[in-house]
N, C-alpha and C. Protein backbone atom coordinates (compact mmCIF):
# COMPACT_ATOMS: atom_id res chain seq x y z
N MET A 1 32.65 -19.05 -29.33
CA MET A 1 33.43 -19.87 -30.23
C MET A 1 32.47 -20.59 -31.19
N SER A 2 32.73 -20.44 -32.48
CA SER A 2 31.81 -21.02 -33.44
C SER A 2 31.99 -22.54 -33.54
N ARG A 3 30.95 -23.20 -33.94
CA ARG A 3 30.98 -24.66 -34.05
C ARG A 3 31.25 -25.07 -35.49
N VAL A 4 32.41 -24.63 -36.01
CA VAL A 4 32.79 -24.93 -37.38
C VAL A 4 34.21 -25.48 -37.37
N CYS A 5 34.43 -26.53 -38.14
CA CYS A 5 35.75 -27.13 -38.25
C CYS A 5 36.69 -26.18 -38.98
N GLU A 6 37.91 -26.01 -38.47
CA GLU A 6 38.86 -25.08 -39.07
C GLU A 6 39.49 -25.62 -40.34
N LEU A 7 39.47 -26.93 -40.55
CA LEU A 7 40.09 -27.51 -41.73
C LEU A 7 39.09 -27.90 -42.81
N SER A 8 37.96 -28.47 -42.43
CA SER A 8 37.01 -28.94 -43.43
C SER A 8 35.85 -27.97 -43.64
N GLY A 9 35.63 -27.03 -42.73
CA GLY A 9 34.53 -26.09 -42.87
C GLY A 9 33.17 -26.66 -42.49
N LYS A 10 33.16 -27.86 -41.91
CA LYS A 10 31.91 -28.50 -41.53
C LYS A 10 31.29 -27.78 -40.35
N GLY A 11 29.99 -27.49 -40.43
CA GLY A 11 29.28 -26.79 -39.36
C GLY A 11 28.01 -27.51 -38.97
N PRO A 12 27.19 -26.89 -38.12
CA PRO A 12 25.95 -27.52 -37.70
C PRO A 12 24.97 -27.72 -38.86
N MET A 13 24.23 -28.82 -38.80
CA MET A 13 23.16 -29.09 -39.76
C MET A 13 21.85 -29.14 -39.00
N SER A 14 20.75 -28.98 -39.73
CA SER A 14 19.45 -29.06 -39.07
C SER A 14 18.67 -30.22 -39.67
N GLY A 15 17.74 -30.75 -38.87
CA GLY A 15 16.92 -31.86 -39.31
C GLY A 15 15.77 -32.08 -38.35
N ASN A 16 15.17 -33.23 -38.43
CA ASN A 16 14.03 -33.55 -37.58
C ASN A 16 14.39 -34.62 -36.57
N LYS A 17 13.88 -34.43 -35.34
CA LYS A 17 13.90 -35.49 -34.34
C LYS A 17 12.56 -36.20 -34.51
N ILE A 18 12.58 -37.50 -34.68
CA ILE A 18 11.35 -38.25 -34.94
C ILE A 18 11.09 -39.19 -33.77
N SER A 19 9.95 -39.03 -33.12
CA SER A 19 9.61 -39.84 -31.96
C SER A 19 9.05 -41.19 -32.40
N HIS A 20 8.79 -42.04 -31.42
CA HIS A 20 8.21 -43.34 -31.70
C HIS A 20 6.81 -43.19 -32.31
N ALA A 21 6.11 -42.11 -31.95
CA ALA A 21 4.77 -41.84 -32.50
C ALA A 21 4.85 -41.07 -33.81
N ASN A 22 6.05 -40.94 -34.37
CA ASN A 22 6.31 -40.28 -35.65
C ASN A 22 6.04 -38.77 -35.59
N ASN A 23 6.14 -38.17 -34.40
CA ASN A 23 6.08 -36.72 -34.29
C ASN A 23 7.42 -36.14 -34.70
N LYS A 24 7.39 -35.04 -35.45
CA LYS A 24 8.62 -34.44 -35.96
C LYS A 24 8.84 -33.08 -35.33
N THR A 25 9.99 -32.89 -34.71
CA THR A 25 10.38 -31.58 -34.17
C THR A 25 11.78 -31.27 -34.68
N ARG A 26 12.04 -29.97 -34.90
CA ARG A 26 13.33 -29.56 -35.46
C ARG A 26 14.43 -29.71 -34.43
N ARG A 27 15.61 -30.05 -34.90
CA ARG A 27 16.78 -30.17 -34.03
C ARG A 27 18.03 -29.81 -34.82
N ARG A 28 19.16 -29.69 -34.11
CA ARG A 28 20.44 -29.39 -34.75
C ARG A 28 21.39 -30.56 -34.57
N PHE A 29 22.12 -30.88 -35.63
CA PHE A 29 23.17 -31.88 -35.57
C PHE A 29 24.49 -31.13 -35.53
N LEU A 30 25.22 -31.22 -34.40
CA LEU A 30 26.47 -30.50 -34.24
C LEU A 30 27.64 -31.38 -34.66
N PRO A 31 28.68 -30.78 -35.26
CA PRO A 31 29.85 -31.58 -35.65
C PRO A 31 30.64 -32.03 -34.42
N ASN A 32 31.35 -33.13 -34.55
CA ASN A 32 32.15 -33.68 -33.47
C ASN A 32 33.50 -32.95 -33.42
N LEU A 33 33.53 -31.78 -32.77
CA LEU A 33 34.73 -30.95 -32.72
C LEU A 33 35.63 -31.34 -31.57
N ASN A 34 36.93 -31.35 -31.84
CA ASN A 34 37.94 -31.65 -30.84
C ASN A 34 39.06 -30.62 -30.94
N GLU A 35 39.60 -30.23 -29.80
CA GLU A 35 40.74 -29.32 -29.77
C GLU A 35 42.01 -30.17 -29.86
N ILE A 36 42.71 -30.05 -30.99
CA ILE A 36 43.83 -30.93 -31.30
C ILE A 36 45.08 -30.09 -31.55
N THR A 37 46.23 -30.58 -31.12
CA THR A 37 47.51 -29.96 -31.44
C THR A 37 48.16 -30.76 -32.55
N LEU A 38 48.37 -30.13 -33.70
CA LEU A 38 48.99 -30.78 -34.85
C LEU A 38 50.35 -30.15 -35.10
N ILE A 39 51.31 -30.95 -35.56
CA ILE A 39 52.68 -30.49 -35.77
C ILE A 39 52.94 -30.38 -37.27
N SER A 40 53.50 -29.24 -37.67
CA SER A 40 53.92 -29.04 -39.04
C SER A 40 55.37 -29.46 -39.17
N ASP A 41 55.64 -30.39 -40.10
CA ASP A 41 57.01 -30.87 -40.28
C ASP A 41 57.89 -29.82 -40.96
N ILE A 42 57.33 -29.09 -41.91
CA ILE A 42 58.10 -28.09 -42.65
C ILE A 42 58.46 -26.91 -41.76
N LEU A 43 57.49 -26.44 -40.98
CA LEU A 43 57.73 -25.27 -40.12
C LEU A 43 58.38 -25.65 -38.80
N GLY A 44 58.24 -26.89 -38.38
CA GLY A 44 58.81 -27.31 -37.11
C GLY A 44 58.07 -26.73 -35.91
N ARG A 45 56.81 -26.44 -36.05
CA ARG A 45 55.99 -25.85 -34.99
C ARG A 45 54.74 -26.68 -34.80
N SER A 46 54.11 -26.47 -33.64
CA SER A 46 52.83 -27.12 -33.39
C SER A 46 51.73 -26.06 -33.38
N PHE A 47 50.55 -26.45 -33.83
CA PHE A 47 49.41 -25.55 -33.92
C PHE A 47 48.22 -26.20 -33.24
N GLN A 48 47.48 -25.40 -32.48
CA GLN A 48 46.28 -25.90 -31.81
C GLN A 48 45.07 -25.49 -32.66
N LEU A 49 44.33 -26.50 -33.13
CA LEU A 49 43.19 -26.28 -34.01
C LEU A 49 41.96 -26.98 -33.44
N ARG A 50 40.80 -26.47 -33.80
CA ARG A 50 39.53 -27.07 -33.41
C ARG A 50 38.94 -27.73 -34.65
N ILE A 51 39.11 -29.05 -34.75
CA ILE A 51 38.71 -29.76 -35.97
C ILE A 51 37.81 -30.94 -35.62
N THR A 52 37.11 -31.44 -36.63
CA THR A 52 36.24 -32.59 -36.45
C THR A 52 37.07 -33.88 -36.45
N ALA A 53 36.47 -34.93 -35.94
CA ALA A 53 37.13 -36.23 -35.93
C ALA A 53 37.36 -36.72 -37.36
N ALA A 54 36.44 -36.43 -38.26
CA ALA A 54 36.59 -36.84 -39.66
C ALA A 54 37.76 -36.10 -40.31
N ALA A 55 37.94 -34.82 -39.99
CA ALA A 55 39.07 -34.06 -40.54
C ALA A 55 40.39 -34.59 -39.99
N LEU A 56 40.40 -35.01 -38.74
CA LEU A 56 41.61 -35.58 -38.16
C LEU A 56 42.00 -36.87 -38.88
N ARG A 57 41.02 -37.69 -39.21
CA ARG A 57 41.31 -38.91 -39.98
C ARG A 57 41.84 -38.56 -41.37
N SER A 58 41.29 -37.49 -41.97
CA SER A 58 41.77 -37.07 -43.29
C SER A 58 43.20 -36.56 -43.23
N VAL A 59 43.54 -35.84 -42.16
CA VAL A 59 44.92 -35.35 -41.99
C VAL A 59 45.87 -36.54 -41.88
N ASP A 60 45.50 -37.55 -41.11
CA ASP A 60 46.34 -38.74 -40.98
C ASP A 60 46.44 -39.49 -42.31
N HIS A 61 45.35 -39.56 -43.04
CA HIS A 61 45.33 -40.29 -44.31
C HIS A 61 46.22 -39.63 -45.35
N ARG A 62 46.22 -38.28 -45.38
CA ARG A 62 47.01 -37.56 -46.38
C ARG A 62 48.48 -37.43 -46.00
N GLY A 63 48.84 -37.79 -44.78
CA GLY A 63 50.25 -37.77 -44.42
C GLY A 63 50.68 -36.60 -43.58
N GLY A 64 49.78 -36.02 -42.81
CA GLY A 64 50.15 -34.95 -41.90
C GLY A 64 49.50 -33.62 -42.25
N LEU A 65 49.73 -32.65 -41.39
CA LEU A 65 49.11 -31.33 -41.54
C LEU A 65 49.57 -30.62 -42.80
N ASP A 66 50.86 -30.71 -43.12
CA ASP A 66 51.40 -30.00 -44.28
C ASP A 66 50.76 -30.51 -45.58
N ALA A 67 50.71 -31.81 -45.75
CA ALA A 67 50.14 -32.39 -46.96
C ALA A 67 48.65 -32.06 -47.06
N PHE A 68 47.95 -32.08 -45.92
CA PHE A 68 46.52 -31.78 -45.94
C PHE A 68 46.27 -30.34 -46.38
N LEU A 69 47.01 -29.40 -45.78
CA LEU A 69 46.79 -27.99 -46.09
C LEU A 69 47.18 -27.64 -47.52
N LEU A 70 48.23 -28.25 -48.04
CA LEU A 70 48.64 -27.95 -49.41
C LEU A 70 47.61 -28.42 -50.42
N LYS A 71 46.86 -29.49 -50.07
CA LYS A 71 45.84 -30.01 -50.98
C LYS A 71 44.46 -29.39 -50.77
N ALA A 72 44.24 -28.74 -49.62
CA ALA A 72 42.91 -28.24 -49.26
C ALA A 72 42.55 -26.98 -50.05
N LYS A 73 41.25 -26.80 -50.26
CA LYS A 73 40.74 -25.59 -50.91
C LYS A 73 40.73 -24.44 -49.92
N ASP A 74 41.06 -23.24 -50.40
CA ASP A 74 41.17 -22.08 -49.52
C ASP A 74 39.83 -21.66 -48.92
N ASP A 75 38.72 -21.86 -49.64
CA ASP A 75 37.42 -21.41 -49.13
C ASP A 75 36.90 -22.28 -47.99
N GLU A 76 37.45 -23.49 -47.82
CA GLU A 76 37.02 -24.36 -46.72
C GLU A 76 37.80 -24.08 -45.44
N LEU A 77 39.00 -23.50 -45.56
CA LEU A 77 39.87 -23.30 -44.41
C LEU A 77 39.50 -22.03 -43.64
N SER A 78 39.77 -22.05 -42.32
CA SER A 78 39.56 -20.86 -41.50
C SER A 78 40.72 -19.90 -41.74
N SER A 79 40.62 -18.70 -41.16
CA SER A 79 41.67 -17.70 -41.35
C SER A 79 42.99 -18.16 -40.72
N ASP A 80 42.91 -18.84 -39.57
CA ASP A 80 44.13 -19.37 -38.93
C ASP A 80 44.78 -20.44 -39.80
N ALA A 81 43.97 -21.34 -40.35
CA ALA A 81 44.50 -22.40 -41.20
C ALA A 81 45.07 -21.83 -42.49
N LEU A 82 44.46 -20.77 -43.02
CA LEU A 82 45.00 -20.13 -44.23
C LEU A 82 46.36 -19.52 -43.95
N ALA A 83 46.53 -18.91 -42.78
CA ALA A 83 47.82 -18.32 -42.42
C ALA A 83 48.88 -19.41 -42.30
N ILE A 84 48.53 -20.56 -41.74
CA ILE A 84 49.47 -21.67 -41.63
C ILE A 84 49.84 -22.17 -43.03
N LYS A 85 48.85 -22.25 -43.92
CA LYS A 85 49.10 -22.72 -45.28
C LYS A 85 50.04 -21.78 -46.01
N LYS A 86 49.86 -20.47 -45.85
CA LYS A 86 50.74 -19.50 -46.51
C LYS A 86 52.16 -19.60 -45.98
N ASP A 87 52.31 -19.81 -44.67
CA ASP A 87 53.65 -19.98 -44.09
C ASP A 87 54.32 -21.24 -44.63
N ILE A 88 53.55 -22.31 -44.80
CA ILE A 88 54.10 -23.55 -45.33
C ILE A 88 54.56 -23.35 -46.78
N LEU A 89 53.74 -22.64 -47.57
CA LEU A 89 54.12 -22.38 -48.97
C LEU A 89 55.38 -21.54 -49.06
N LYS A 90 55.53 -20.53 -48.18
CA LYS A 90 56.74 -19.70 -48.16
C LYS A 90 57.96 -20.53 -47.79
N ALA A 91 57.83 -21.37 -46.76
CA ALA A 91 58.95 -22.18 -46.31
C ALA A 91 59.34 -23.22 -47.37
N LYS A 92 58.35 -23.73 -48.08
CA LYS A 92 58.63 -24.72 -49.12
C LYS A 92 59.31 -24.07 -50.32
N ALA A 93 58.91 -22.83 -50.64
CA ALA A 93 59.54 -22.12 -51.76
C ALA A 93 60.98 -21.72 -51.41
N ALA A 94 61.24 -21.39 -50.15
CA ALA A 94 62.58 -20.99 -49.75
C ALA A 94 63.54 -22.18 -49.70
N ALA A 95 63.02 -23.36 -49.45
CA ALA A 95 63.89 -24.54 -49.33
C ALA A 95 64.25 -25.13 -50.67
């Protein structure tokens, strides 16, 4: 399972671990991923996604999963999130 957020596209970063003696060794900074179940109001379904804590705050700030996905760029979303976005667009056009 990859360590990439399905909504924001955030992945591991690299940097230096710096000791008290100022020795520098390479390390990885992993994103804070959580397995979350989010509910789509338009589709009336729940989806289980692996997203970062920052993305979860953004979803809450924008007003839910539907509003977040409609505003999100397609290149940042995973294939599962893109499929959910297309279903939301179809349901919104039909209504």
